[in-house]
Amino acid sequence: MDKINPEILKIFAFFGIMAIAGYVALVLYFFFEWVKEKIRLMRWKRQYKHRFNKAPLAKCHCVDCKWWGKESNACRQFSNGWCTPDNGFCYRAEPKDLYQVRKENKQ
């Protein structure tokens, strides 16, 4: 049986080392991507859990808007009968006048 040429042996060793290094790099890449995804998921869960802790950016809740119909639970501003929850927000909200609120509270 013939001996293997040392030059070919060096080439095979080089490709073997490169394959192992590539495999290790790929495993490390997927591990760090997995860690980043877990961190992103934890941040999202915390943000979702505490989403109502801050005051809204809208001027008022829909129930306090002058366009919200109390009897129909629909926004009259858009004239398409959108059903809105009383704790919803709208970017075009306009708070009711104080006189109108007092009048509604008496009824």
PDB file of N, CA and C in Angstrom:
ATOM      1  N   MET A   1       0.825  -1.172   0.000  1.00  0.00           N
ATOM      2  CA  MET A   1       0.000   0.000   0.000  1.00  0.00           C
ATOM      3  C   MET A   1       0.877   1.245   0.000  1.00  0.00           C
ATOM      4  N   ASP A   2       0.506   2.160  -0.822  1.00  0.00           N
ATOM      5  CA  ASP A   2       1.302   3.384  -0.963  1.00  0.00           C
ATOM      6  C   ASP A   2       0.999   4.345   0.175  1.00  0.00           C
ATOM      7  N   LYS A   3       1.989   5.138   0.514  1.00  0.00           N
ATOM      8  CA  LYS A   3       1.804   6.188   1.521  1.00  0.00           C
ATOM      9  C   LYS A   3       1.108   7.379   0.882  1.00  0.00           C
ATOM     10  N   ILE A   4       0.364   8.143   1.718  1.00  0.00           N
ATOM     11  CA  ILE A   4      -0.327   9.335   1.227  1.00  0.00           C
ATOM     12  C   ILE A   4       0.690  10.463   1.107  1.00  0.00           C
ATOM     13  N   ASN A   5       0.585  11.171   0.018  1.00  0.00           N
ATOM     14  CA  ASN A   5       1.467  12.301  -0.232  1.00  0.00           C
ATOM     15  C   ASN A   5       1.270  13.343   0.872  1.00  0.00           C
ATOM     16  N   PRO A   6       2.354  13.844   1.507  1.00  0.00           N
ATOM     17  CA  PRO A   6       2.209  14.825   2.597  1.00  0.00           C
ATOM     18  C   PRO A   6       1.540  16.134   2.151  1.00  0.00           C
ATOM     19  N   GLU A   7       1.708  16.501   0.906  1.00  0.00           N
ATOM     20  CA  GLU A   7       1.083  17.737   0.426  1.00  0.00           C
ATOM     21  C   GLU A   7      -0.445  17.593   0.387  1.00  0.00           C
ATOM     22  N   ILE A   8      -0.929  16.445  -0.066  1.00  0.00           N
ATOM     23  CA  ILE A   8      -2.373  16.198  -0.106  1.00  0.00           C
ATOM     24  C   ILE A   8      -2.922  16.112   1.315  1.00  0.00           C
ATOM     25  N   LEU A   9      -2.147  15.508   2.204  1.00  0.00           N
ATOM     26  CA  LEU A   9      -2.557  15.401   3.597  1.00  0.00           C
ATOM     27  C   LEU A   9      -2.713  16.789   4.226  1.00  0.00           C
ATOM     28  N   LYS A  10      -1.815  17.705   3.898  1.00  0.00           N
ATOM     29  CA  LYS A  10      -1.913  19.081   4.407  1.00  0.00           C
ATOM     30  C   LYS A  10      -3.154  19.791   3.860  1.00  0.00           C
ATOM     31  N   ILE A  11      -3.469  19.541   2.601  1.00  0.00           N
ATOM     32  CA  ILE A  11      -4.655  20.164   1.988  1.00  0.00           C
ATOM     33  C   ILE A  11      -5.928  19.652   2.659  1.00  0.00           C
ATOM     34  N   PHE A  12      -5.996  18.320   2.866  1.00  0.00           N
ATOM     35  CA  PHE A  12      -7.167  17.753   3.548  1.00  0.00           C
ATOM     36  C   PHE A  12      -7.280  18.263   4.983  1.00  0.00           C
ATOM     37  N   ALA A  13      -6.151  18.411   5.659  1.00  0.00           N
ATOM     38  CA  ALA A  13      -6.155  18.923   7.029  1.00  0.00           C
ATOM     39  C   ALA A  13      -6.642  20.377   7.053  1.00  0.00           C
ATOM     40  N   PHE A  14      -6.187  21.159   6.060  1.00  0.00           N
ATOM     41  CA  PHE A  14      -6.617  22.561   5.982  1.00  0.00           C
ATOM     42  C   PHE A  14      -8.131  22.659   5.784  1.00  0.00           C
ATOM     43  N   PHE A  15      -8.679  21.863   4.828  1.00  0.00           N
ATOM     44  CA  PHE A  15     -10.122  21.888   4.597  1.00  0.00           C
ATOM     45  C   PHE A  15     -10.896  21.355   5.803  1.00  0.00           C
ATOM     46  N   GLY A  16     -10.349  20.392   6.503  1.00  0.00           N
ATOM     47  CA  GLY A  16     -10.988  19.877   7.712  1.00  0.00           C
ATOM     48  C   GLY A  16     -11.058  20.919   8.807  1.00  0.00           C
ATOM     49  N   ILE A  17      -9.953  21.631   9.000  1.00  0.00           N
ATOM     50  CA  ILE A  17      -9.926  22.702  10.012  1.00  0.00           C
ATOM     51  C   ILE A  17     -10.880  23.823   9.619  1.00  0.00           C
ATOM     52  N   MET A  18     -10.928  24.165   8.347  1.00  0.00           N
ATOM     53  CA  MET A  18     -11.844  25.217   7.888  1.00  0.00           C
ATOM     54  C   MET A  18     -13.304  24.792   8.074  1.00  0.00           C
ATOM     55  N   ALA A  19     -13.610  23.526   7.814  1.00  0.00           N
ATOM     56  CA  ALA A  19     -14.981  23.027   7.983  1.00  0.00           C
ATOM     57  C   ALA A  19     -15.376  23.072   9.459  1.00  0.00           C
ATOM     58  N   ILE A  20     -14.479  22.677  10.340  1.00  0.00           N
ATOM     59  CA  ILE A  20     -14.774  22.721  11.781  1.00  0.00           C
ATOM     60  C   ILE A  20     -14.943  24.161  12.235  1.00  0.00           C
ATOM     61  N   ALA A  21     -14.095  25.067  11.776  1.00  0.00           N
ATOM     62  CA  ALA A  21     -14.207  26.483  12.146  1.00  0.00           C
ATOM     63  C   ALA A  21     -15.524  27.061  11.623  1.00  0.00           C
ATOM     64  N   GLY A  22     -15.894  26.708  10.400  1.00  0.00           N
ATOM     65  CA  GLY A  22     -17.169  27.182   9.850  1.00  0.00           C
ATOM     66  C   GLY A  22     -18.352  26.655  10.629  1.00  0.00           C
ATOM     67  N   TYR A  23     -18.290  25.396  11.023  1.00  0.00           N
ATOM     68  CA  TYR A  23     -19.369  24.801  11.822  1.00  0.00           C
ATOM     69  C   TYR A  23     -19.494  25.498  13.172  1.00  0.00           C
ATOM     70  N   VAL A  24     -18.364  25.740  13.827  1.00  0.00           N
ATOM     71  CA  VAL A  24     -18.385  26.430  15.124  1.00  0.00           C
ATOM     72  C   VAL A  24     -18.929  27.846  14.967  1.00  0.00           C
ATOM     73  N   ALA A  25     -18.518  28.535  13.904  1.00  0.00           N
ATOM     74  CA  ALA A  25     -19.016  29.894  13.668  1.00  0.00           C
ATOM     75  C   ALA A  25     -20.516  29.880  13.421  1.00  0.00           C
ATOM     76  N   LEU A  26     -21.001  28.907  12.678  1.00  0.00           N
ATOM     77  CA  LEU A  26     -22.433  28.799  12.404  1.00  0.00           C
ATOM     78  C   LEU A  26     -23.226  28.506  13.681  1.00  0.00           C
ATOM     79  N   VAL A  27     -22.719  27.620  14.510  1.00  0.00           N
ATOM     80  CA  VAL A  27     -23.387  27.310  15.779  1.00  0.00           C
ATOM     81  C   VAL A  27     -23.422  28.546  16.675  1.00  0.00           C
ATOM     82  N   LEU A  28     -22.306  29.269  16.757  1.00  0.00           N
ATOM     83  CA  LEU A  28     -22.275  30.496  17.563  1.00  0.00           C
ATOM     84  C   LEU A  28     -23.237  31.548  17.020  1.00  0.00           C
ATOM     85  N   TYR A  29     -23.310  31.684  15.701  1.00  0.00           N
ATOM     86  CA  TYR A  29     -24.225  32.645  15.092  1.00  0.00           C
ATOM     87  C   TYR A  29     -25.672  32.324  15.465  1.00  0.00           C
ATOM     88  N   PHE A  30     -26.080  31.064  15.320  1.00  0.00           N
ATOM     89  CA  PHE A  30     -27.452  30.692  15.660  1.00  0.00           C
ATOM     90  C   PHE A  30     -27.728  30.819  17.151  1.00  0.00           C
ATOM     91  N   PHE A  31     -26.734  30.557  17.978  1.00  0.00           N
ATOM     92  CA  PHE A  31     -26.907  30.723  19.420  1.00  0.00           C
ATOM     93  C   PHE A  31     -27.147  32.194  19.762  1.00  0.00           C
ATOM     94  N   PHE A  32     -26.335  33.083  19.207  1.00  0.00           N
ATOM     95  CA  PHE A  32     -26.505  34.502  19.511  1.00  0.00           C
ATOM     96  C   PHE A  32     -27.808  35.047  18.925  1.00  0.00           C
ATOM     97  N   GLU A  33     -28.229  34.569  17.776  1.00  0.00           N
ATOM     98  CA  GLU A  33     -29.528  34.963  17.230  1.00  0.00           C
ATOM     99  C   GLU A  33     -30.663  34.486  18.137  1.00  0.00           C
ATOM    100  N   TRP A  34     -30.541  33.290  18.686  1.00  0.00           N
ATOM    101  CA  TRP A  34     -31.546  32.762  19.607  1.00  0.00           C
ATOM    102  C   TRP A  34     -31.611  33.615  20.864  1.00  0.00           C
ATOM    103  N   VAL A  35     -30.438  34.013  21.390  1.00  0.00           N
ATOM    104  CA  VAL A  35     -30.400  34.869  22.583  1.00  0.00           C
ATOM    105  C   VAL A  35     -31.029  36.226  22.279  1.00  0.00           C
ATOM    106  N   LYS A  36     -30.711  36.817  21.121  1.00  0.00           N
ATOM    107  CA  LYS A  36     -31.307  38.107  20.752  1.00  0.00           C
ATOM    108  C   LYS A  36     -32.819  38.009  20.648  1.00  0.00           C
ATOM    109  N   GLU A  37     -33.320  36.914  20.083  1.00  0.00           N
ATOM    110  CA  GLU A  37     -34.766  36.727  19.959  1.00  0.00           C
ATOM    111  C   GLU A  37     -35.426  36.585  21.329  1.00  0.00           C
ATOM    112  N   LYS A  38     -34.779  35.872  22.242  1.00  0.00           N
ATOM    113  CA  LYS A  38     -35.316  35.726  23.596  1.00  0.00           C
ATOM    114  C   LYS A  38     -35.358  37.069  24.313  1.00  0.00           C
ATOM    115  N   ILE A  39     -34.326  37.877  24.150  1.00  0.00           N
ATOM    116  CA  ILE A  39     -34.303  39.205  24.773  1.00  0.00           C
ATOM    117  C   ILE A  39     -35.402  40.079  24.181  1.00  0.00           C
ATOM    118  N   ARG A  40     -35.577  40.023  22.843  1.00  0.00           N
ATOM    119  CA  ARG A  40     -36.626  40.809  22.201  1.00  0.00           C
ATOM    120  C   ARG A  40     -38.005  40.367  22.685  1.00  0.00           C
ATOM    121  N   LEU A  41     -38.201  39.079  22.842  1.00  0.00           N
ATOM    122  CA  LEU A  41     -39.474  38.559  23.319  1.00  0.00           C
ATOM    123  C   LEU A  41     -39.743  38.987  24.759  1.00  0.00           C
ATOM    124  N   MET A  42     -38.713  38.964  25.600  1.00  0.00           N
ATOM    125  CA  MET A  42     -38.885  39.413  26.990  1.00  0.00           C
ATOM    126  C   MET A  42     -39.238  40.893  27.041  1.00  0.00           C
ATOM    127  N   ARG A  43     -38.598  41.713  26.214  1.00  0.00           N
ATOM    128  CA  ARG A  43     -38.920  43.141  26.168  1.00  0.00           C
ATOM    129  C   ARG A  43     -40.351  43.363  25.690  1.00  0.00           C
ATOM    130  N   TRP A  44     -40.762  42.610  24.665  1.00  0.00           N
ATOM    131  CA  TRP A  44     -42.122  42.753  24.153  1.00  0.00           C
ATOM    132  C   TRP A  44     -43.145  42.352  25.201  1.00  0.00           C
ATOM    133  N   LYS A  45     -42.889  41.250  25.924  1.00  0.00           N
ATOM    134  CA  LYS A  45     -43.818  40.824  26.971  1.00  0.00           C
ATOM    135  C   LYS A  45     -43.934  41.874  28.057  1.00  0.00           C
ATOM    136  N   ARG A  46     -42.817  42.479  28.452  1.00  0.00           N
ATOM    137  CA  ARG A  46     -42.865  43.522  29.473  1.00  0.00           C
ATOM    138  C   ARG A  46     -43.623  44.743  28.960  1.00  0.00           C
ATOM    139  N   GLN A  47     -43.353  45.121  27.721  1.00  0.00           N
ATOM    140  CA  GLN A  47     -44.056  46.268  27.129  1.00  0.00           C
ATOM    141  C   GLN A  47     -45.546  45.984  27.030  1.00  0.00           C
ATOM    142  N   TYR A  48     -45.910  44.773  26.648  1.00  0.00           N
ATOM    143  CA  TYR A  48     -47.317  44.396  26.547  1.00  0.00           C
ATOM    144  C   TYR A  48     -47.979  44.399  27.912  1.00  0.00           C
ATOM    145  N   LYS A  49     -47.272  43.948  28.925  1.00  0.00           N
ATOM    146  CA  LYS A  49     -47.818  43.882  30.276  1.00  0.00           C
ATOM    147  C   LYS A  49     -48.048  45.278  30.856  1.00  0.00           C
ATOM    148  N   HIS A  50     -47.177  46.217  30.536  1.00  0.00           N
ATOM    149  CA  HIS A  50     -47.247  47.564  31.125  1.00  0.00           C
ATOM    150  C   HIS A  50     -47.743  48.608  30.126  1.00  0.00           C
ATOM    151  N   ARG A  51     -48.507  48.204  29.116  1.00  0.00           N
ATOM    152  CA  ARG A  51     -48.912  49.147  28.070  1.00  0.00           C
ATOM    153  C   ARG A  51     -49.903  50.192  28.549  1.00  0.00           C
ATOM    154  N   PHE A  52     -50.616  49.963  29.641  1.00  0.00           N
ATOM    155  CA  PHE A  52     -51.590  50.941  30.134  1.00  0.00           C
ATOM    156  C   PHE A  52     -51.078  51.742  31.319  1.00  0.00           C
ATOM    157  N   ASN A  53     -49.805  51.623  31.658  1.00  0.00           N
ATOM    158  CA  ASN A  53     -49.266  52.351  32.806  1.00  0.00           C
ATOM    159  C   ASN A  53     -49.103  53.843  32.520  1.00  0.00           C
ATOM    160  N   LYS A  54     -48.848  54.202  31.288  1.00  0.00           N
ATOM    161  CA  LYS A  54     -48.645  55.607  30.928  1.00  0.00           C
ATOM    162  C   LYS A  54     -49.956  56.210  30.446  1.00  0.00           C
ATOM    163  N   ALA A  55     -50.047  57.514  30.573  1.00  0.00           N
ATOM    164  CA  ALA A  55     -51.245  58.214  30.098  1.00  0.00           C
ATOM    165  C   ALA A  55     -51.306  58.160  28.573  1.00  0.00           C
ATOM    166  N   PRO A  56     -52.497  58.183  27.996  1.00  0.00           N
ATOM    167  CA  PRO A  56     -52.604  58.110  26.535  1.00  0.00           C
ATOM    168  C   PRO A  56     -52.142  59.406  25.874  1.00  0.00           C
ATOM    169  N   LEU A  57     -51.784  59.303  24.617  1.00  0.00           N
ATOM    170  CA  LEU A  57     -51.375  60.483  23.863  1.00  0.00           C
ATOM    171  C   LEU A  57     -52.583  61.269  23.355  1.00  0.00           C
ATOM    172  N   ALA A  58     -53.747  60.637  23.363  1.00  0.00           N
ATOM    173  CA  ALA A  58     -54.959  61.315  22.902  1.00  0.00           C
ATOM    174  C   ALA A  58     -55.412  62.336  23.940  1.00  0.00           C
ATOM    175  N   LYS A  59     -56.264  63.241  23.516  1.00  0.00           N
ATOM    176  CA  LYS A  59     -56.757  64.277  24.416  1.00  0.00           C
ATOM    177  C   LYS A  59     -57.702  63.711  25.464  1.00  0.00           C
ATOM    178  N   CYS A  60     -58.440  62.686  25.085  1.00  0.00           N
ATOM    179  CA  CYS A  60     -59.430  62.119  26.007  1.00  0.00           C
ATOM    180  C   CYS A  60     -59.802  60.718  25.563  1.00  0.00           C
ATOM    181  N   HIS A  61     -60.517  60.015  26.433  1.00  0.00           N
ATOM    182  CA  HIS A  61     -61.091  58.723  26.055  1.00  0.00           C
ATOM    183  C   HIS A  61     -62.289  58.981  25.147  1.00  0.00           C
ATOM    184  N   CYS A  62     -62.691  57.953  24.404  1.00  0.00           N
ATOM    185  CA  CYS A  62     -63.843  58.113  23.507  1.00  0.00           C
ATOM    186  C   CYS A  62     -65.113  58.480  24.277  1.00  0.00           C
ATOM    187  N   VAL A  63     -65.254  57.943  25.476  1.00  0.00           N
ATOM    188  CA  VAL A  63     -66.468  58.226  26.250  1.00  0.00           C
ATOM    189  C   VAL A  63     -66.537  59.713  26.643  1.00  0.00           C
ATOM    190  N   ASP A  64     -65.402  60.392  26.693  1.00  0.00           N
ATOM    191  CA  ASP A  64     -65.369  61.810  27.049  1.00  0.00           C
ATOM    192  C   ASP A  64     -65.328  62.726  25.825  1.00  0.00           C
ATOM    193  N   CYS A  65     -65.365  62.147  24.636  1.00  0.00           N
ATOM    194  CA  CYS A  65     -65.310  62.931  23.407  1.00  0.00           C
ATOM    195  C   CYS A  65     -66.708  63.446  23.064  1.00  0.00           C
ATOM    196  N   LYS A  66     -66.767  64.619  22.472  1.00  0.00           N
ATOM    197  CA  LYS A  66     -68.084  65.184  22.147  1.00  0.00           C
ATOM    198  C   LYS A  66     -68.724  64.493  20.949  1.00  0.00           C
ATOM    199  N   TRP A  67     -67.965  63.675  20.214  1.00  0.00           N
ATOM    200  CA  TRP A  67     -68.518  62.984  19.056  1.00  0.00           C
ATOM    201  C   TRP A  67     -68.999  61.576  19.379  1.00  0.00           C
ATOM    202  N   TRP A  68     -68.806  61.106  20.592  1.00  0.00           N
ATOM    203  CA  TRP A  68     -69.177  59.735  20.940  1.00  0.00           C
ATOM    204  C   TRP A  68     -70.643  59.682  21.316  1.00  0.00           C
ATOM    205  N   GLY A  69     -71.404  58.815  20.658  1.00  0.00           N
ATOM    206  CA  GLY A  69     -72.825  58.672  20.944  1.00  0.00           C
ATOM    207  C   GLY A  69     -73.045  57.714  22.104  1.00  0.00           C
ATOM    208  N   LYS A  70     -73.572  58.213  23.201  1.00  0.00           N
ATOM    209  CA  LYS A  70     -73.746  57.394  24.398  1.00  0.00           C
ATOM    210  C   LYS A  70     -74.760  56.276  24.175  1.00  0.00           C
ATOM    211  N   GLU A  71     -75.813  56.566  23.448  1.00  0.00           N
ATOM    212  CA  GLU A  71     -76.867  55.574  23.245  1.00  0.00           C
ATOM    213  C   GLU A  71     -76.471  54.496  22.228  1.00  0.00           C
ATOM    214  N   SER A  72     -75.632  54.834  21.264  1.00  0.00           N
ATOM    215  CA  SER A  72     -75.285  53.873  20.217  1.00  0.00           C
ATOM    216  C   SER A  72     -73.878  53.291  20.358  1.00  0.00           C
ATOM    217  N   ASN A  73     -73.080  53.836  21.265  1.00  0.00           N
ATOM    218  CA  ASN A  73     -71.675  53.426  21.428  1.00  0.00           C
ATOM    219  C   ASN A  73     -70.917  53.510  20.107  1.00  0.00           C
ATOM    220  N   ALA A  74     -71.210  54.519  19.334  1.00  0.00           N
ATOM    221  CA  ALA A  74     -70.555  54.698  18.044  1.00  0.00           C
ATOM    222  C   ALA A  74     -70.027  56.121  17.928  1.00  0.00           C
ATOM    223  N   CYS A  75     -68.954  56.265  17.194  1.00  0.00           N
ATOM    224  CA  CYS A  75     -68.367  57.581  16.958  1.00  0.00           C
ATOM    225  C   CYS A  75     -69.134  58.251  15.823  1.00  0.00           C
ATOM    226  N   ARG A  76     -69.637  59.463  16.081  1.00  0.00           N
ATOM    227  CA  ARG A  76     -70.417  60.189  15.067  1.00  0.00           C
ATOM    228  C   ARG A  76     -69.544  61.098  14.221  1.00  0.00           C
ATOM    229  N   GLN A  77     -68.275  61.237  14.569  1.00  0.00           N
ATOM    230  CA  GLN A  77     -67.407  62.159  13.840  1.00  0.00           C
ATOM    231  C   GLN A  77     -67.133  61.666  12.427  1.00  0.00           C
ATOM    232  N   PHE A  78     -67.009  60.387  12.251  1.00  0.00           N
ATOM    233  CA  PHE A  78     -66.663  59.851  10.944  1.00  0.00           C
ATOM    234  C   PHE A  78     -67.894  59.525  10.123  1.00  0.00           C
ATOM    235  N   SER A  79     -69.062  59.622  10.702  1.00  0.00           N
ATOM    236  CA  SER A  79     -70.364  59.390  10.059  1.00  0.00           C
ATOM    237  C   SER A  79     -70.456  58.043   9.335  1.00  0.00           C
ATOM    238  N   ASN A  80     -69.760  57.064   9.873  1.00  0.00           N
ATOM    239  CA  ASN A  80     -69.885  55.733   9.295  1.00  0.00           C
ATOM    240  C   ASN A  80     -70.256  54.709  10.353  1.00  0.00           C
ATOM    241  N   GLY A  81     -70.591  55.161  11.553  1.00  0.00           N
ATOM    242  CA  GLY A  81     -71.079  54.282  12.593  1.00  0.00           C
ATOM    243  C   GLY A  81     -70.043  53.331  13.159  1.00  0.00           C
ATOM    244  N   TRP A  82     -68.803  53.772  13.274  1.00  0.00           N
ATOM    245  CA  TRP A  82     -67.791  52.919  13.880  1.00  0.00           C
ATOM    246  C   TRP A  82     -68.179  52.639  15.316  1.00  0.00           C
ATOM    247  N   CYS A  83     -68.255  51.394  15.678  1.00  0.00           N
ATOM    248  CA  CYS A  83     -68.487  51.035  17.073  1.00  0.00           C
ATOM    249  C   CYS A  83     -67.166  51.170  17.817  1.00  0.00           C
ATOM    250  N   THR A  84     -67.156  51.981  18.833  1.00  0.00           N
ATOM    251  CA  THR A  84     -65.924  52.223  19.576  1.00  0.00           C
ATOM    252  C   THR A  84     -66.146  51.894  21.036  1.00  0.00           C
ATOM    253  N   PRO A  85     -65.151  51.350  21.707  1.00  0.00           N
ATOM    254  CA  PRO A  85     -65.293  51.123  23.144  1.00  0.00           C
ATOM    255  C   PRO A  85     -65.220  52.448  23.883  1.00  0.00           C
ATOM    256  N   ASP A  86     -65.798  52.480  25.064  1.00  0.00           N
ATOM    257  CA  ASP A  86     -65.796  53.743  25.799  1.00  0.00           C
ATOM    258  C   ASP A  86     -64.408  54.116  26.308  1.00  0.00           C
ATOM    259  N   ASN A  87     -63.479  53.153  26.362  1.00  0.00           N
ATOM    260  CA  ASN A  87     -62.125  53.481  26.793  1.00  0.00           C
ATOM    261  C   ASN A  87     -61.160  53.563  25.615  1.00  0.00           C
ATOM    262  N   GLY A  88     -61.677  53.666  24.393  1.00  0.00           N
ATOM    263  CA  GLY A  88     -60.824  53.778  23.208  1.00  0.00           C
ATOM    264  C   GLY A  88     -60.264  55.183  23.052  1.00  0.00           C
ATOM    265  N   PHE A  89     -59.355  55.338  22.102  1.00  0.00           N
ATOM    266  CA  PHE A  89     -58.735  56.632  21.834  1.00  0.00           C
ATOM    267  C   PHE A  89     -58.849  56.941  20.351  1.00  0.00           C
ATOM    268  N   CYS A  90     -58.857  58.204  20.033  1.00  0.00           N
ATOM    269  CA  CYS A  90     -58.949  58.638  18.647  1.00  0.00           C
ATOM    270  C   CYS A  90     -57.989  59.802  18.457  1.00  0.00           C
ATOM    271  N   TYR A  91     -57.357  59.852  17.323  1.00  0.00           N
ATOM    272  CA  TYR A  91     -56.416  60.948  17.068  1.00  0.00           C
ATOM    273  C   TYR A  91     -57.135  62.268  16.819  1.00  0.00           C
ATOM    274  N   ARG A  92     -58.444  62.223  16.547  1.00  0.00           N
ATOM    275  CA  ARG A  92     -59.210  63.448  16.304  1.00  0.00           C
ATOM    276  C   ARG A  92     -60.172  63.746  17.446  1.00  0.00           C
ATOM    277  N   ALA A  93     -59.885  63.235  18.628  1.00  0.00           N
ATOM    278  CA  ALA A  93     -60.783  63.405  19.771  1.00  0.00           C
ATOM    279  C   ALA A  93     -60.860  64.869  20.198  1.00  0.00           C
ATOM    280  N   GLU A  94     -62.060  65.280  20.584  1.00  0.00           N
ATOM    281  CA  GLU A  94     -62.292  66.621  21.115  1.00  0.00           C
ATOM    282  C   GLU A  94     -63.055  66.467  22.422  1.00  0.00           C
ATOM    283  N   PRO A  95     -62.461  66.875  23.537  1.00  0.00           N
ATOM    284  CA  PRO A  95     -63.146  66.710  24.823  1.00  0.00           C
ATOM    285  C   PRO A  95     -64.455  67.502  24.861  1.00  0.00           C
ATOM    286  N   LYS A  96     -65.414  66.977  25.619  1.00  0.00           N
ATOM    287  CA  LYS A  96     -66.699  67.660  25.779  1.00  0.00           C
ATOM    288  C   LYS A  96     -66.512  68.939  26.589  1.00  0.00           C
ATOM    289  N   ASP A  97     -67.431  69.866  26.400  1.00  0.00           N
ATOM    290  CA  ASP A  97     -67.427  71.074  27.206  1.00  0.00           C
ATOM    291  C   ASP A  97     -67.848  70.725  28.629  1.00  0.00           C
ATOM    292  N   LEU A  98     -67.391  71.484  29.594  1.00  0.00           N
ATOM    293  CA  LEU A  98     -67.718  71.231  30.989  1.00  0.00           C
ATOM    294  C   LEU A  98     -69.222  71.330  31.223  1.00  0.00           C
ATOM    295  N   TYR A  99     -69.889  72.271  30.550  1.00  0.00           N
ATOM    296  CA  TYR A  99     -71.340  72.426  30.687  1.00  0.00           C
ATOM    297  C   TYR A  99     -72.062  71.176  30.207  1.00  0.00           C
ATOM    298  N   GLN A 100     -71.629  70.609  29.099  1.00  0.00           N
ATOM    299  CA  GLN A 100     -72.239  69.413  28.537  1.00  0.00           C
ATOM    300  C   GLN A 100     -72.026  68.210  29.450  1.00  0.00           C
ATOM    301  N   VAL A 101     -70.863  68.098  30.078  1.00  0.00           N
ATOM    302  CA  VAL A 101     -70.594  66.984  30.996  1.00  0.00           C
ATOM    303  C   VAL A 101     -71.496  67.090  32.222  1.00  0.00           C
ATOM    304  N   ARG A 102     -71.625  68.274  32.776  1.00  0.00           N
ATOM    305  CA  ARG A 102     -72.492  68.442  33.951  1.00  0.00           C
ATOM    306  C   ARG A 102     -73.943  68.123  33.610  1.00  0.00           C
ATOM    307  N   LYS A 103     -74.364  68.512  32.404  1.00  0.00           N
ATOM    308  CA  LYS A 103     -75.733  68.235  31.969  1.00  0.00           C
ATOM    309  C   LYS A 103     -75.989  66.714  31.859  1.00  0.00           C
ATOM    310  N   GLU A 104     -75.019  66.003  31.322  1.00  0.00           N
ATOM    311  CA  GLU A 104     -75.156  64.551  31.203  1.00  0.00           C
ATOM    312  C   GLU A 104     -75.136  63.858  32.561  1.00  0.00           C
ATOM    313  N   ASN A 105     -74.331  64.375  33.482  1.00  0.00           N
ATOM    314  CA  ASN A 105     -74.238  63.750  34.807  1.00  0.00           C
ATOM    315  C   ASN A 105     -75.523  63.935  35.616  1.00  0.00           C
ATOM    316  N   LYS A 106     -76.246  65.010  35.371  1.00  0.00           N
ATOM    317  CA  LYS A 106     -77.503  65.235  36.075  1.00  0.00           C
ATOM    318  C   LYS A 106     -78.581  64.257  35.609  1.00  0.00           C
ATOM    319  N   GLN A 107     -78.489  63.820  34.374  1.00  0.00           N
ATOM    320  CA  GLN A 107     -79.522  62.927  33.826  1.00  0.00           C
ATOM    321  C   GLN A 107     -79.312  61.534  34.255  1.00  0.00           C
TER     322      GLN A 107
END
